[in-house]
Amino acid sequence: MTNPLTDNRHHEQRRYVDSIVMKNSFKIKIPCSTSNLGPGFDTLGLALQLFLEIEVSTATEKTEFVLSGEGKDALPLDESNYIYKIYCQGCEIIGATPRSLHIKVRSDIPLSRGLGSSGSAVVAALVMANELNGGSLTRDQIAEIATRIEGHPENVSASCYGGLTVGCLANEKLFSCQILPQESLKAVTVIPEIEILTREARTLLPEHVPFAVAVNNVQRATLFAAAMATGQFDVLREASKDKLHQPFRKKLIPGFDALLESAYEAGALAAFLSGSGSTIVALVQENASRVEDAMLSSVASFNYSASARTLDIAREGYRVD
């Protein structure tokens, strides 16, 4: 991994640069993300207003976590916590020594449901390392390092910048663009009580696909991004059709096809698997409650449970206070 402090290849066009201020206590708020959005596998990410919130203080002799919200009973409370491990990686990249920290975590992002809980944690940890060591990394550099750690850009880019992000990682460098869709667009999220680990969901994917499948996804991923940029939402249903990953992953979610169809019948503009699942997202401008009810009814007909929330798009990425 190259050191971003000596690597001048980062984006110069971004408007975000974090102030260089040493801090001993601060708060971070990071939006969750839905990714792939149908055909944009490992490319498209959309930030949503469901947050991971962290309060950090150095006034402690040993590292300890205080957890609330999602995952509070499942995650470690000491240095073995994933956030602290990535914080240590961030310190190593910066050239600093990790410190003992008191870390309060409040998360509304469910774990292993395809809403970017891992990506938001990586971003949070790198921001912690940056803020505690002078703030020398720009937002672009944090996004690039986070992408290297995650291995793909879509979730961390959305959590860093907000809105819809389109990105790729090439030769350890992140290339990404941000699109801010119309504010009327909302995401209905249906979250089944089914955990799906990303690494396991990836094992279901084929190593090779027919040329026609690749063409299908290139056409629709670019159409999807263009529709979000221009507001031509009438094409989103076709643009969200995928042949690259959803046909293989949908077997993990009973009634997946019927669930998508119920969303469309209720007026959704697009419906797709969020990340590797199990969350299904439907994009709407109106009729959110009707779409929620229709999708939950579909879930119930397949004899499992789910919750639903309608979320606004997060138009900004992480914030430090």
C-alpha atoms as a PDB file:
ATOM      1  CA  MET A   1       0.000   0.000   0.000  1.00  0.00           C
ATOM      2  CA  THR A   2       1.437   3.382  -0.941  1.00  0.00           C
ATOM      3  CA  ASN A   3       1.562   6.132   1.669  1.00  0.00           C
ATOM      4  CA  PRO A   4      -0.914   8.873   0.745  1.00  0.00           C
ATOM      5  CA  LEU A   5       1.251  11.464   2.473  1.00  0.00           C
ATOM      6  CA  THR A   6       3.951  10.944  -0.159  1.00  0.00           C
ATOM      7  CA  ASP A   7       1.636   9.998  -3.010  1.00  0.00           C
ATOM      8  CA  ASN A   8       0.440  13.002  -5.007  1.00  0.00           C
ATOM      9  CA  ARG A   9      -1.930  11.034  -7.225  1.00  0.00           C
ATOM     10  CA  HIS A  10      -5.084  11.923  -5.292  1.00  0.00           C
ATOM     11  CA  HIS A  11      -7.973  13.832  -6.881  1.00  0.00           C
ATOM     12  CA  GLU A  12      -7.312  17.543  -7.161  1.00  0.00           C
ATOM     13  CA  GLN A  13     -10.801  18.404  -8.306  1.00  0.00           C
ATOM     14  CA  ARG A  14     -12.540  17.624  -4.999  1.00  0.00           C
ATOM     15  CA  ARG A  15     -13.762  20.516  -2.933  1.00  0.00           C
ATOM     16  CA  TYR A  16     -13.394  18.701   0.372  1.00  0.00           C
ATOM     17  CA  VAL A  17     -10.232  19.255   2.447  1.00  0.00           C
ATOM     18  CA  ASP A  18     -10.342  18.640   6.191  1.00  0.00           C
ATOM     19  CA  SER A  19      -8.778  21.220   8.471  1.00  0.00           C
ATOM     20  CA  ILE A  20      -5.425  20.416  10.057  1.00  0.00           C
ATOM     21  CA  VAL A  21      -6.300  20.573  13.740  1.00  0.00           C
ATOM     22  CA  MET A  22      -5.111  18.258  16.506  1.00  0.00           C
ATOM     23  CA  LYS A  23      -8.060  16.984  18.530  1.00  0.00           C
ATOM     24  CA  ASN A  24      -8.378  14.972  21.713  1.00  0.00           C
ATOM     25  CA  SER A  25     -12.147  14.559  21.630  1.00  0.00           C
ATOM     26  CA  PHE A  26     -14.655  14.801  18.803  1.00  0.00           C
ATOM     27  CA  LYS A  27     -17.718  13.225  17.218  1.00  0.00           C
ATOM     28  CA  ILE A  28     -18.075  11.588  13.803  1.00  0.00           C
ATOM     29  CA  LYS A  29     -21.317  10.932  11.939  1.00  0.00           C
ATOM     30  CA  ILE A  30     -21.173   8.605   8.923  1.00  0.00           C
ATOM     31  CA  PRO A  31     -24.080   7.743   6.604  1.00  0.00           C
ATOM     32  CA  CYS A  32     -24.832   4.193   5.574  1.00  0.00           C
ATOM     33  CA  SER A  33     -24.936   3.198   1.934  1.00  0.00           C
ATOM     34  CA  THR A  34     -26.740   0.952  -0.471  1.00  0.00           C
ATOM     35  CA  SER A  35     -24.538  -0.394  -3.218  1.00  0.00           C
ATOM     36  CA  ASN A  36     -24.614  -1.924  -6.694  1.00  0.00           C
ATOM     37  CA  LEU A  37     -28.143  -0.536  -7.280  1.00  0.00           C
ATOM     38  CA  GLY A  38     -28.776  -3.414  -9.640  1.00  0.00           C
ATOM     39  CA  PRO A  39     -26.173  -3.459 -12.416  1.00  0.00           C
ATOM     40  CA  GLY A  40     -23.412  -1.310 -10.887  1.00  0.00           C
ATOM     41  CA  PHE A  41     -21.539  -4.131  -9.168  1.00  0.00           C
ATOM     42  CA  ASP A  42     -18.639  -2.812  -7.035  1.00  0.00           C
ATOM     43  CA  THR A  43     -19.161   0.590  -8.700  1.00  0.00           C
ATOM     44  CA  LEU A  44     -22.350   2.417  -7.675  1.00  0.00           C
ATOM     45  CA  GLY A  45     -23.034   3.519  -4.106  1.00  0.00           C
ATOM     46  CA  LEU A  46     -25.812   5.675  -2.678  1.00  0.00           C
ATOM     47  CA  ALA A  47     -25.528   7.284   0.762  1.00  0.00           C
ATOM     48  CA  LEU A  48     -28.656   7.088   2.915  1.00  0.00           C
ATOM     49  CA  GLN A  49     -29.693   8.836   6.106  1.00  0.00           C
ATOM     50  CA  LEU A  50     -29.094   5.985   8.497  1.00  0.00           C
ATOM     51  CA  PHE A  51     -26.023   6.707  10.569  1.00  0.00           C
ATOM     52  CA  LEU A  52     -23.070   5.386  12.510  1.00  0.00           C
ATOM     53  CA  GLU A  53     -22.201   7.917  15.217  1.00  0.00           C
ATOM     54  CA  ILE A  54     -18.966   7.802  17.173  1.00  0.00           C
ATOM     55  CA  GLU A  55     -17.674   9.908  20.056  1.00  0.00           C
ATOM     56  CA  VAL A  56     -13.930   9.640  20.692  1.00  0.00           C
ATOM     57  CA  SER A  57     -11.870  10.735  23.683  1.00  0.00           C
ATOM     58  CA  THR A  58      -8.223  10.178  24.601  1.00  0.00           C
ATOM     59  CA  ALA A  59      -8.911  10.640  28.325  1.00  0.00           C
ATOM     60  CA  THR A  60      -8.470   6.985  29.228  1.00  0.00           C
ATOM     61  CA  GLU A  61      -5.729   4.570  30.261  1.00  0.00           C
ATOM     62  CA  LYS A  62      -7.000   1.641  28.232  1.00  0.00           C
ATOM     63  CA  THR A  63      -9.093   1.319  25.116  1.00  0.00           C
ATOM     64  CA  GLU A  64     -12.754   0.681  25.774  1.00  0.00           C
ATOM     65  CA  PHE A  65     -15.927   0.805  23.715  1.00  0.00           C
ATOM     66  CA  VAL A  66     -19.421   1.724  24.839  1.00  0.00           C
ATOM     67  CA  LEU A  67     -21.896   0.392  22.289  1.00  0.00           C
ATOM     68  CA  SER A  68     -25.552   1.109  21.634  1.00  0.00           C
ATOM     69  CA  GLY A  69     -27.897   0.410  18.770  1.00  0.00           C
ATOM     70  CA  GLU A  70     -27.246  -2.236  16.129  1.00  0.00           C
ATOM     71  CA  GLY A  71     -24.604  -4.810  17.028  1.00  0.00           C
ATOM     72  CA  LYS A  72     -24.241  -3.675  20.629  1.00  0.00           C
ATOM     73  CA  ASP A  73     -24.338  -7.235  21.959  1.00  0.00           C
ATOM     74  CA  ALA A  74     -22.310  -8.800  19.165  1.00  0.00           C
ATOM     75  CA  LEU A  75     -19.173  -6.654  18.979  1.00  0.00           C
ATOM     76  CA  PRO A  76     -16.104  -6.590  21.269  1.00  0.00           C
ATOM     77  CA  LEU A  77     -15.546  -3.760  23.732  1.00  0.00           C
ATOM     78  CA  ASP A  78     -11.743  -3.665  23.628  1.00  0.00           C
ATOM     79  CA  GLU A  79      -8.879  -3.343  21.137  1.00  0.00           C
ATOM     80  CA  SER A  80     -10.132  -6.364  19.196  1.00  0.00           C
ATOM     81  CA  ASN A  81     -13.042  -4.255  17.915  1.00  0.00           C
ATOM     82  CA  TYR A  82     -12.856  -3.857  14.119  1.00  0.00           C
ATOM     83  CA  ILE A  83     -12.995  -0.070  14.345  1.00  0.00           C
ATOM     84  CA  TYR A  84      -9.939   0.016  16.604  1.00  0.00           C
ATOM     85  CA  LYS A  85      -8.036  -2.387  14.357  1.00  0.00           C
ATOM     86  CA  ILE A  86      -8.616  -0.142  11.327  1.00  0.00           C
ATOM     87  CA  TYR A  87      -7.752   2.908  13.438  1.00  0.00           C
ATOM     88  CA  CYS A  88      -4.373   1.276  14.109  1.00  0.00           C
ATOM     89  CA  GLN A  89      -3.887   0.702  10.367  1.00  0.00           C
ATOM     90  CA  GLY A  90      -4.665   4.356   9.792  1.00  0.00           C
ATOM     91  CA  CYS A  91      -2.099   5.405  12.379  1.00  0.00           C
ATOM     92  CA  GLU A  92       0.507   3.210  10.701  1.00  0.00           C
ATOM     93  CA  ILE A  93      -0.196   4.840   7.337  1.00  0.00           C
ATOM     94  CA  ILE A  94       0.063   8.311   8.850  1.00  0.00           C
ATOM     95  CA  GLY A  95       3.200   7.375  10.779  1.00  0.00           C
ATOM     96  CA  ALA A  96       1.687   7.781  14.244  1.00  0.00           C
ATOM     97  CA  THR A  97       1.458   5.602  17.334  1.00  0.00           C
ATOM     98  CA  PRO A  98      -2.044   4.388  18.241  1.00  0.00           C
ATOM     99  CA  ARG A  99      -3.397   5.637  21.548  1.00  0.00           C
ATOM    100  CA  SER A 100      -5.754   4.239  24.134  1.00  0.00           C
ATOM    101  CA  LEU A 101      -9.206   5.590  23.381  1.00  0.00           C
ATOM    102  CA  HIS A 102     -12.631   5.806  24.944  1.00  0.00           C
ATOM    103  CA  ILE A 103     -15.049   5.238  22.056  1.00  0.00           C
ATOM    104  CA  LYS A 104     -18.817   5.567  22.278  1.00  0.00           C
ATOM    105  CA  VAL A 105     -20.547   4.009  19.287  1.00  0.00           C
ATOM    106  CA  ARG A 106     -24.186   4.430  18.365  1.00  0.00           C
ATOM    107  CA  SER A 107     -25.184   2.624  15.172  1.00  0.00           C
ATOM    108  CA  ASP A 108     -28.525   2.509  13.402  1.00  0.00           C
ATOM    109  CA  ILE A 109     -26.975   0.488  10.551  1.00  0.00           C
ATOM    110  CA  PRO A 110     -27.851  -3.215  10.795  1.00  0.00           C
ATOM    111  CA  LEU A 111     -24.958  -5.651  10.478  1.00  0.00           C
ATOM    112  CA  SER A 112     -24.627  -8.051   7.548  1.00  0.00           C
ATOM    113  CA  ARG A 113     -27.671  -6.691   5.739  1.00  0.00           C
ATOM    114  CA  GLY A 114     -26.047  -5.001   2.739  1.00  0.00           C
ATOM    115  CA  LEU A 115     -26.202  -1.420   4.024  1.00  0.00           C
ATOM    116  CA  GLY A 116     -22.493  -0.706   4.251  1.00  0.00           C
ATOM    117  CA  SER A 117     -21.925  -1.307   7.963  1.00  0.00           C
ATOM    118  CA  SER A 118     -18.352  -2.446   7.284  1.00  0.00           C
ATOM    119  CA  GLY A 119     -17.602   0.460   4.957  1.00  0.00           C
ATOM    120  CA  SER A 120     -18.917   3.037   7.408  1.00  0.00           C
ATOM    121  CA  ALA A 121     -16.811   1.474  10.177  1.00  0.00           C
ATOM    122  CA  VAL A 122     -13.675   1.652   8.019  1.00  0.00           C
ATOM    123  CA  VAL A 123     -14.326   5.297   7.191  1.00  0.00           C
ATOM    124  CA  ALA A 124     -14.979   6.100  10.854  1.00  0.00           C
ATOM    125  CA  ALA A 125     -11.750   4.439  11.962  1.00  0.00           C
ATOM    126  CA  LEU A 126      -9.634   6.273   9.398  1.00  0.00           C
ATOM    127  CA  VAL A 127     -11.241   9.595  10.310  1.00  0.00           C
ATOM    128  CA  MET A 128     -10.400   8.849  13.950  1.00  0.00           C
ATOM    129  CA  ALA A 129      -6.753   8.250  13.075  1.00  0.00           C
ATOM    130  CA  ASN A 130      -6.665  11.413  11.012  1.00  0.00           C
ATOM    131  CA  GLU A 131      -8.297  13.693  13.583  1.00  0.00           C
ATOM    132  CA  LEU A 132      -6.124  12.406  16.419  1.00  0.00           C
ATOM    133  CA  ASN A 133      -2.945  13.028  14.441  1.00  0.00           C
ATOM    134  CA  GLY A 134      -3.263  16.501  13.001  1.00  0.00           C
ATOM    135  CA  GLY A 135      -5.805  16.029  10.226  1.00  0.00           C
ATOM    136  CA  SER A 136      -3.175  15.708   7.497  1.00  0.00           C
ATOM    137  CA  LEU A 137      -5.258  13.436   5.269  1.00  0.00           C
ATOM    138  CA  THR A 138      -7.783  14.941   2.876  1.00  0.00           C
ATOM    139  CA  ARG A 139     -11.216  13.434   2.418  1.00  0.00           C
ATOM    140  CA  ASP A 140     -10.041  12.098  -0.949  1.00  0.00           C
ATOM    141  CA  GLN A 141      -7.142  10.294   0.689  1.00  0.00           C
ATOM    142  CA  ILE A 142      -9.378   8.810   3.369  1.00  0.00           C
ATOM    143  CA  ALA A 143     -11.746   7.549   0.664  1.00  0.00           C
ATOM    144  CA  GLU A 144      -8.836   6.038  -1.264  1.00  0.00           C
ATOM    145  CA  ILE A 145      -7.331   4.287   1.761  1.00  0.00           C
ATOM    146  CA  ALA A 146     -10.766   3.007   2.780  1.00  0.00           C
ATOM    147  CA  THR A 147     -11.274   1.626  -0.721  1.00  0.00           C
ATOM    148  CA  ARG A 148      -7.967  -0.243  -0.559  1.00  0.00           C
ATOM    149  CA  ILE A 149      -8.940  -1.752   2.776  1.00  0.00           C
ATOM    150  CA  GLU A 150     -12.445  -2.741   1.625  1.00  0.00           C
ATOM    151  CA  GLY A 151     -11.247  -3.824  -1.821  1.00  0.00           C
ATOM    152  CA  HIS A 152     -14.042  -2.009  -3.669  1.00  0.00           C
ATOM    153  CA  PRO A 153     -15.126   1.659  -3.681  1.00  0.00           C
ATOM    154  CA  GLU A 154     -18.905   1.837  -3.724  1.00  0.00           C
ATOM    155  CA  ASN A 155     -19.792   1.833  -0.020  1.00  0.00           C
ATOM    156  CA  VAL A 156     -16.885   3.851   1.328  1.00  0.00           C
ATOM    157  CA  SER A 157     -17.130   6.459  -1.434  1.00  0.00           C
ATOM    158  CA  ALA A 158     -20.795   7.022  -0.654  1.00  0.00           C
ATOM    159  CA  SER A 159     -20.051   7.311   3.068  1.00  0.00           C
ATOM    160  CA  CYS A 160     -17.224   9.749   2.387  1.00  0.00           C
ATOM    161  CA  TYR A 161     -18.901  12.032  -0.146  1.00  0.00           C
ATOM    162  CA  GLY A 162     -22.660  11.501   0.068  1.00  0.00           C
ATOM    163  CA  GLY A 163     -25.132  11.265  -2.792  1.00  0.00           C
ATOM    164  CA  LEU A 164     -24.620   8.724  -5.550  1.00  0.00           C
ATOM    165  CA  THR A 165     -20.994   7.845  -6.187  1.00  0.00           C
ATOM    166  CA  VAL A 166     -19.540   6.094  -9.212  1.00  0.00           C
ATOM    167  CA  GLY A 167     -16.064   4.738  -8.644  1.00  0.00           C
ATOM    168  CA  CYS A 168     -13.273   2.355  -9.509  1.00  0.00           C
ATOM    169  CA  LEU A 169      -9.907   1.464  -8.027  1.00  0.00           C
ATOM    170  CA  ALA A 170      -7.041   1.277 -10.530  1.00  0.00           C
ATOM    171  CA  ASN A 171      -3.399   0.747  -9.575  1.00  0.00           C
ATOM    172  CA  GLU A 172      -4.245   1.546  -5.951  1.00  0.00           C
ATOM    173  CA  LYS A 173      -5.783   4.884  -6.969  1.00  0.00           C
ATOM    174  CA  LEU A 174      -9.447   5.735  -6.472  1.00  0.00           C
ATOM    175  CA  PHE A 175     -11.322   7.389  -9.314  1.00  0.00           C
ATOM    176  CA  SER A 176     -14.804   8.527  -8.335  1.00  0.00           C
ATOM    177  CA  CYS A 177     -17.521  11.012  -9.223  1.00  0.00           C
ATOM    178  CA  GLN A 178     -20.438  12.250  -7.154  1.00  0.00           C
ATOM    179  CA  ILE A 179     -23.984  12.752  -8.425  1.00  0.00           C
ATOM    180  CA  LEU A 180     -26.625  14.510  -6.321  1.00  0.00           C
ATOM    181  CA  PRO A 181     -30.050  13.151  -7.307  1.00  0.00           C
ATOM    182  CA  GLN A 182     -33.234  15.149  -6.892  1.00  0.00           C
ATOM    183  CA  GLU A 183     -34.164  15.654  -3.248  1.00  0.00           C
ATOM    184  CA  SER A 184     -37.593  14.115  -3.864  1.00  0.00           C
ATOM    185  CA  LEU A 185     -35.994  10.692  -4.365  1.00  0.00           C
ATOM    186  CA  LYS A 186     -36.212   8.368  -1.363  1.00  0.00           C
ATOM    187  CA  ALA A 187     -35.188   4.796  -0.616  1.00  0.00           C
ATOM    188  CA  VAL A 188     -37.637   2.292   0.829  1.00  0.00           C
ATOM    189  CA  THR A 189     -35.489  -0.286   2.617  1.00  0.00           C
ATOM    190  CA  VAL A 190     -36.916  -3.677   3.498  1.00  0.00           C
ATOM    191  CA  ILE A 191     -34.537  -5.442   5.867  1.00  0.00           C
ATOM    192  CA  PRO A 192     -35.172  -9.183   6.333  1.00  0.00           C
ATOM    193  CA  GLU A 193     -34.117 -10.977   9.494  1.00  0.00           C
ATOM    194  CA  ILE A 194     -31.538 -12.801   7.393  1.00  0.00           C
ATOM    195  CA  GLU A 195     -27.809 -12.206   7.875  1.00  0.00           C
ATOM    196  CA  ILE A 196     -25.653 -12.431   4.755  1.00  0.00           C
ATOM    197  CA  LEU A 197     -21.884 -12.050   5.010  1.00  0.00           C
ATOM    198  CA  THR A 198     -20.379 -10.326   1.982  1.00  0.00           C
ATOM    199  CA  ARG A 199     -17.478 -12.760   1.709  1.00  0.00           C
ATOM    200  CA  GLU A 200     -19.900 -15.695   1.628  1.00  0.00           C
ATOM    201  CA  ALA A 201     -22.217 -14.017  -0.882  1.00  0.00           C
ATOM    202  CA  ARG A 202     -19.242 -13.448  -3.182  1.00  0.00           C
ATOM    203  CA  THR A 203     -18.530 -17.171  -3.280  1.00  0.00           C
ATOM    204  CA  LEU A 204     -21.840 -17.616  -5.124  1.00  0.00           C
ATOM    205  CA  LEU A 205     -20.664 -15.522  -8.064  1.00  0.00           C
ATOM    206  CA  PRO A 206     -19.220 -17.115 -11.214  1.00  0.00           C
ATOM    207  CA  GLU A 207     -15.612 -16.510 -12.219  1.00  0.00           C
ATOM    208  CA  HIS A 208     -16.663 -15.861 -15.820  1.00  0.00           C
ATOM    209  CA  VAL A 209     -19.828 -14.549 -17.464  1.00  0.00           C
ATOM    210  CA  PRO A 210     -20.970 -14.481 -21.101  1.00  0.00           C
ATOM    211  CA  PHE A 211     -20.117 -11.395 -23.133  1.00  0.00           C
ATOM    212  CA  ALA A 212     -23.822 -10.542 -23.429  1.00  0.00           C
ATOM    213  CA  VAL A 213     -24.122 -10.383 -19.639  1.00  0.00           C
ATOM    214  CA  ALA A 214     -21.238  -7.924 -19.464  1.00  0.00           C
ATOM    215  CA  VAL A 215     -22.840  -5.777 -22.161  1.00  0.00           C
ATOM    216  CA  ASN A 216     -26.186  -5.844 -20.336  1.00  0.00           C
ATOM    217  CA  ASN A 217     -24.632  -4.513 -17.158  1.00  0.00           C
ATOM    218  CA  VAL A 218     -22.460  -1.873 -18.812  1.00  0.00           C
ATOM    219  CA  GLN A 219     -25.508  -0.514 -20.632  1.00  0.00           C
ATOM    220  CA  ARG A 220     -27.711  -0.423 -17.575  1.00  0.00           C
ATOM    221  CA  ALA A 221     -25.159   0.809 -15.056  1.00  0.00           C
ATOM    222  CA  THR A 222     -24.319   3.798 -17.242  1.00  0.00           C
ATOM    223  CA  LEU A 223     -28.010   4.405 -17.930  1.00  0.00           C
ATOM    224  CA  PHE A 224     -28.716   4.292 -14.202  1.00  0.00           C
ATOM    225  CA  ALA A 225     -26.044   6.889 -13.408  1.00  0.00           C
ATOM    226  CA  ALA A 226     -27.246   9.142 -16.224  1.00  0.00           C
ATOM    227  CA  ALA A 227     -30.851   8.884 -15.043  1.00  0.00           C
ATOM    228  CA  MET A 228     -29.866   9.840 -11.510  1.00  0.00           C
ATOM    229  CA  ALA A 229     -27.903  12.820 -12.815  1.00  0.00           C
ATOM    230  CA  THR A 230     -30.616  14.106 -15.143  1.00  0.00           C
ATOM    231  CA  GLY A 231     -33.738  13.197 -13.199  1.00  0.00           C
ATOM    232  CA  GLN A 232     -35.057  10.956 -15.988  1.00  0.00           C
ATOM    233  CA  PHE A 233     -36.366   8.477 -13.473  1.00  0.00           C
ATOM    234  CA  ASP A 234     -38.763   6.818 -15.901  1.00  0.00           C
ATOM    235  CA  VAL A 235     -35.848   4.705 -17.184  1.00  0.00           C
ATOM    236  CA  LEU A 236     -34.762   3.465 -13.758  1.00  0.00           C
ATOM    237  CA  ARG A 237     -36.785   0.253 -13.841  1.00  0.00           C
ATOM    238  CA  GLU A 238     -34.972  -0.933 -16.946  1.00  0.00           C
ATOM    239  CA  ALA A 239     -31.682   0.576 -15.798  1.00  0.00           C
ATOM    240  CA  SER A 240     -31.741  -1.374 -12.523  1.00  0.00           C
ATOM    241  CA  LYS A 241     -31.940  -4.799 -14.179  1.00  0.00           C
ATOM    242  CA  ASP A 242     -28.908  -6.931 -13.400  1.00  0.00           C
ATOM    243  CA  LYS A 243     -27.530 -10.206 -14.720  1.00  0.00           C
ATOM    244  CA  LEU A 244     -24.141 -10.194 -13.025  1.00  0.00           C
ATOM    245  CA  HIS A 245     -24.791 -10.886  -9.349  1.00  0.00           C
ATOM    246  CA  GLN A 246     -28.479 -10.796  -8.355  1.00  0.00           C
ATOM    247  CA  PRO A 247     -29.416 -14.009 -10.212  1.00  0.00           C
ATOM    248  CA  PHE A 248     -26.890 -15.875  -8.051  1.00  0.00           C
ATOM    249  CA  ARG A 249     -27.474 -14.136  -4.724  1.00  0.00           C
ATOM    250  CA  LYS A 250     -31.259 -14.038  -4.788  1.00  0.00           C
ATOM    251  CA  LYS A 251     -31.431 -17.689  -3.720  1.00  0.00           C
ATOM    252  CA  LEU A 252     -30.449 -16.475  -0.233  1.00  0.00           C
ATOM    253  CA  ILE A 253     -33.673 -14.449   0.032  1.00  0.00           C
ATOM    254  CA  PRO A 254     -36.963 -16.369  -0.251  1.00  0.00           C
ATOM    255  CA  GLY A 255     -39.348 -14.817  -2.756  1.00  0.00           C
ATOM    256  CA  PHE A 256     -36.835 -12.282  -4.052  1.00  0.00           C
ATOM    257  CA  ASP A 257     -38.421 -11.888  -7.496  1.00  0.00           C
ATOM    258  CA  ALA A 258     -41.907 -11.561  -6.025  1.00  0.00           C
ATOM    259  CA  LEU A 259     -40.621  -8.960  -3.587  1.00  0.00           C
ATOM    260  CA  LEU A 260     -39.260  -6.804  -6.398  1.00  0.00           C
ATOM    261  CA  GLU A 261     -42.456  -7.205  -8.382  1.00  0.00           C
ATOM    262  CA  SER A 262     -44.550  -6.137  -5.396  1.00  0.00           C
ATOM    263  CA  ALA A 263     -42.495  -2.939  -5.172  1.00  0.00           C
ATOM    264  CA  TYR A 264     -43.098  -2.133  -8.833  1.00  0.00           C
ATOM    265  CA  GLU A 265     -46.811  -2.871  -8.596  1.00  0.00           C
ATOM    266  CA  ALA A 266     -47.008  -0.384  -5.712  1.00  0.00           C
ATOM    267  CA  GLY A 267     -45.301   2.341  -7.743  1.00  0.00           C
ATOM    268  CA  ALA A 268     -41.546   1.989  -7.183  1.00  0.00           C
ATOM    269  CA  LEU A 269     -39.191   3.504  -9.753  1.00  0.00           C
ATOM    270  CA  ALA A 270     -36.505   0.853  -9.216  1.00  0.00           C
ATOM    271  CA  ALA A 271     -35.973  -2.128  -6.938  1.00  0.00           C
ATOM    272  CA  PHE A 272     -32.807  -4.112  -6.310  1.00  0.00           C
ATOM    273  CA  LEU A 273     -30.723  -6.077  -3.843  1.00  0.00           C
ATOM    274  CA  SER A 274     -28.733  -3.773  -1.568  1.00  0.00           C
ATOM    275  CA  GLY A 275     -25.092  -4.823  -1.687  1.00  0.00           C
ATOM    276  CA  SER A 276     -24.884  -8.546  -1.057  1.00  0.00           C
ATOM    277  CA  GLY A 277     -28.201  -8.465   0.831  1.00  0.00           C
ATOM    278  CA  SER A 278     -30.365  -9.250   2.536  1.00  0.00           C
ATOM    279  CA  THR A 279     -31.856  -5.734   2.336  1.00  0.00           C
ATOM    280  CA  ILE A 280     -33.930  -4.886  -0.716  1.00  0.00           C
ATOM    281  CA  VAL A 281     -34.193  -1.227  -1.721  1.00  0.00           C
ATOM    282  CA  ALA A 282     -36.937   0.408  -3.757  1.00  0.00           C
ATOM    283  CA  LEU A 283     -36.470   3.960  -5.028  1.00  0.00           C
ATOM    284  CA  VAL A 284     -39.549   6.167  -4.936  1.00  0.00           C
ATOM    285  CA  GLN A 285     -40.625   9.773  -5.309  1.00  0.00           C
ATOM    286  CA  GLU A 286     -44.082   9.146  -3.876  1.00  0.00           C
ATOM    287  CA  ASN A 287     -46.190   6.318  -2.440  1.00  0.00           C
ATOM    288  CA  ALA A 288     -43.427   5.268  -0.043  1.00  0.00           C
ATOM    289  CA  SER A 289     -45.873   3.873   2.515  1.00  0.00           C
ATOM    290  CA  ARG A 290     -47.703   1.898  -0.137  1.00  0.00           C
ATOM    291  CA  VAL A 291     -44.447   0.415  -1.406  1.00  0.00           C
ATOM    292  CA  GLU A 292     -43.371  -0.453   2.148  1.00  0.00           C
ATOM    293  CA  ASP A 293     -46.674  -2.204   2.860  1.00  0.00           C
ATOM    294  CA  ALA A 294     -46.633  -4.119  -0.414  1.00  0.00           C
ATOM    295  CA  MET A 295     -43.090  -5.370   0.114  1.00  0.00           C
ATOM    296  CA  LEU A 296     -43.726  -6.387   3.719  1.00  0.00           C
ATOM    297  CA  SER A 297     -46.848  -8.265   2.644  1.00  0.00           C
ATOM    298  CA  SER A 298     -44.765 -10.093   0.071  1.00  0.00           C
ATOM    299  CA  VAL A 299     -42.180 -11.003   2.710  1.00  0.00           C
ATOM    300  CA  ALA A 300     -44.902 -12.328   5.018  1.00  0.00           C
ATOM    301  CA  SER A 301     -46.251 -14.576   2.272  1.00  0.00           C
ATOM    302  CA  PHE A 302     -42.901 -16.388   2.250  1.00  0.00           C
ATOM    303  CA  ASN A 303     -43.002 -16.931   6.023  1.00  0.00           C
ATOM    304  CA  TYR A 304     -40.138 -14.810   7.279  1.00  0.00           C
ATOM    305  CA  SER A 305     -39.990 -11.418   8.942  1.00  0.00           C
ATOM    306  CA  ALA A 306     -38.541  -8.072   7.939  1.00  0.00           C
ATOM    307  CA  SER A 307     -38.609  -4.439   8.967  1.00  0.00           C
ATOM    308  CA  ALA A 308     -38.999  -1.458   6.658  1.00  0.00           C
ATOM    309  CA  ARG A 309     -37.799   2.133   6.718  1.00  0.00           C
ATOM    310  CA  THR A 310     -38.022   4.901   4.153  1.00  0.00           C
ATOM    311  CA  LEU A 311     -34.792   6.898   4.067  1.00  0.00           C
ATOM    312  CA  ASP A 312     -33.777  10.177   2.504  1.00  0.00           C
ATOM    313  CA  ILE A 313     -30.581  10.302   0.492  1.00  0.00           C
ATOM    314  CA  ALA A 314     -27.629  11.614   2.503  1.00  0.00           C
ATOM    315  CA  ARG A 315     -26.338  14.440   0.341  1.00  0.00           C
ATOM    316  CA  GLU A 316     -23.129  14.845   2.341  1.00  0.00           C
ATOM    317  CA  GLY A 317     -20.607  12.326   3.560  1.00  0.00           C
ATOM    318  CA  TYR A 318     -19.126  11.936   7.028  1.00  0.00           C
ATOM    319  CA  ARG A 319     -19.064  14.914   9.346  1.00  0.00           C
ATOM    320  CA  VAL A 320     -16.700  15.687  12.227  1.00  0.00           C
ATOM    321  CA  ASP A 321     -17.783  17.896  15.131  1.00  0.00           C
END
